[in-house]
Amino acid sequence: METEGGGVAYGMELLGAPIGHVFFENEWLVKAATKIIGKINIAANTIASLCPHSAHAATHYSFQALGDFICATSRSCQTRHFARVFVLMIGAIAEMPAV
């Protein structure tokens, strides 16, 4: 992965956690947060209209567990990107029809 200064940042994903150069780890976390936000939007907008209970379960348990795992396996200084994931999750849950 190329850094902002034109250098190279090396890293890999091991057991679901980024390991390597700080730039690589930060980029990995940003991509993971974006992916979770996309899944929450799909659950809130599509699945909720078909089955509110399934959308609530997916958002509350599955996506929250994924975010919690990423926060637990990363350094606290790197997980600031996940604040927007949890804010969006709370908003998505609030917008879903009652179960």
Protein backbone atom coordinates (compact mmCIF):
# COMPACT_ATOMS: atom_id res chain seq x y z
CA MET A 1 0.00 0.00 0.00
CA GLU A 2 1.35 3.43 -0.90
CA THR A 3 1.50 6.12 1.79
CA GLU A 4 0.69 9.80 1.38
CA GLY A 5 4.40 10.65 1.10
CA GLY A 6 4.94 8.17 -1.72
CA GLY A 7 6.50 5.49 0.50
CA VAL A 8 5.30 1.93 0.91
CA ALA A 9 3.41 0.64 3.94
CA TYR A 10 3.42 -3.10 4.45
CA GLY A 11 0.92 -5.13 6.40
CA MET A 12 -1.40 -8.07 6.41
CA GLU A 13 -4.63 -9.24 7.97
CA LEU A 14 -4.15 -11.99 10.51
CA LEU A 15 -7.17 -13.61 12.18
CA GLY A 16 -9.33 -10.62 11.29
CA ALA A 17 -6.96 -7.97 12.62
CA PRO A 18 -4.56 -5.69 10.71
CA ILE A 19 -0.87 -6.08 11.50
CA GLY A 20 1.90 -3.98 10.02
CA HIS A 21 2.75 -0.37 9.32
CA VAL A 22 0.54 2.20 11.10
CA PHE A 23 -0.64 3.61 7.77
CA PHE A 24 -1.72 0.13 6.60
CA GLU A 25 -3.57 -0.52 9.87
CA ASN A 26 -5.37 2.83 9.74
CA GLU A 27 -6.45 2.31 6.12
CA TRP A 28 -7.66 -1.20 6.97
CA LEU A 29 -9.75 0.17 9.84
CA VAL A 30 -11.27 2.89 7.64
CA LYS A 31 -12.26 0.28 5.04
CA ALA A 32 -13.69 -2.01 7.74
CA ALA A 33 -15.76 0.84 9.20
CA THR A 34 -17.07 1.77 5.75
CA LYS A 35 -18.03 -1.85 5.07
CA ILE A 36 -19.92 -2.15 8.37
CA ILE A 37 -21.74 1.14 7.71
CA GLY A 38 -22.82 -0.18 4.29
CA LYS A 39 -24.19 -3.36 5.86
CA ILE A 40 -26.07 -1.36 8.48
CA ASN A 41 -27.64 0.80 5.76
CA ILE A 42 -28.74 -2.30 3.84
CA ALA A 43 -30.27 -3.78 6.99
CA ALA A 44 -32.01 -0.54 7.90
CA ASN A 45 -33.32 0.24 4.43
CA THR A 46 -34.01 -3.15 2.85
CA ILE A 47 -34.31 -5.94 5.36
CA ALA A 48 -36.30 -3.87 7.87
CA SER A 49 -39.16 -3.41 5.41
CA LEU A 50 -39.38 -7.20 4.94
CA CYS A 51 -38.70 -8.39 8.47
CA PRO A 52 -38.02 -5.87 11.23
CA HIS A 53 -36.98 -8.58 13.68
CA SER A 54 -34.26 -9.93 11.34
CA ALA A 55 -32.94 -6.45 10.61
CA HIS A 56 -32.79 -5.64 14.31
CA ALA A 57 -31.01 -8.91 15.10
CA ALA A 58 -28.48 -8.44 12.29
CA THR A 59 -27.74 -4.85 13.21
CA HIS A 60 -27.73 -5.26 16.96
CA TYR A 61 -25.90 -8.55 17.32
CA SER A 62 -23.90 -9.31 14.19
CA PHE A 63 -22.60 -5.87 13.18
CA GLN A 64 -22.10 -4.72 16.75
CA ALA A 65 -20.10 -7.88 17.51
CA LEU A 66 -17.94 -7.26 14.45
CA GLY A 67 -17.26 -3.68 15.52
CA ASP A 68 -16.54 -4.78 19.08
CA PHE A 69 -14.07 -7.40 17.82
CA ILE A 70 -12.23 -4.86 15.69
CA CYS A 71 -12.05 -2.43 18.61
CA ALA A 72 -10.81 -5.17 20.94
CA THR A 73 -8.04 -6.29 18.57
CA SER A 74 -6.81 -2.80 17.65
CA ARG A 75 -5.00 -0.13 19.61
CA SER A 76 -7.28 2.49 21.09
CA CYS A 77 -5.63 5.30 19.09
CA GLN A 78 -6.64 3.53 15.87
CA THR A 79 -10.30 2.93 16.62
CA ARG A 80 -11.44 6.54 16.47
CA HIS A 81 -12.92 5.74 13.04
CA PHE A 82 -15.37 3.38 14.70
CA ALA A 83 -17.14 6.17 16.57
CA ARG A 84 -19.11 6.86 13.38
CA VAL A 85 -20.01 3.16 13.10
CA PHE A 86 -21.63 3.10 16.51
CA VAL A 87 -23.39 6.44 15.98
CA LEU A 88 -24.80 5.15 12.68
CA MET A 89 -25.80 1.86 14.30
CA ILE A 90 -27.79 3.65 16.99
CA GLY A 91 -29.51 5.76 14.31
CA ALA A 92 -30.29 2.72 12.16
CA ILE A 93 -31.78 0.84 15.10
CA ALA A 94 -33.89 3.86 16.04
CA GLU A 95 -35.28 4.12 12.49
CA MET A 96 -36.27 0.45 12.24
CA PRO A 97 -39.89 -0.52 12.77
CA ALA A 98 -40.72 -1.86 16.23
CA VAL A 99 -40.09 -5.57 16.66
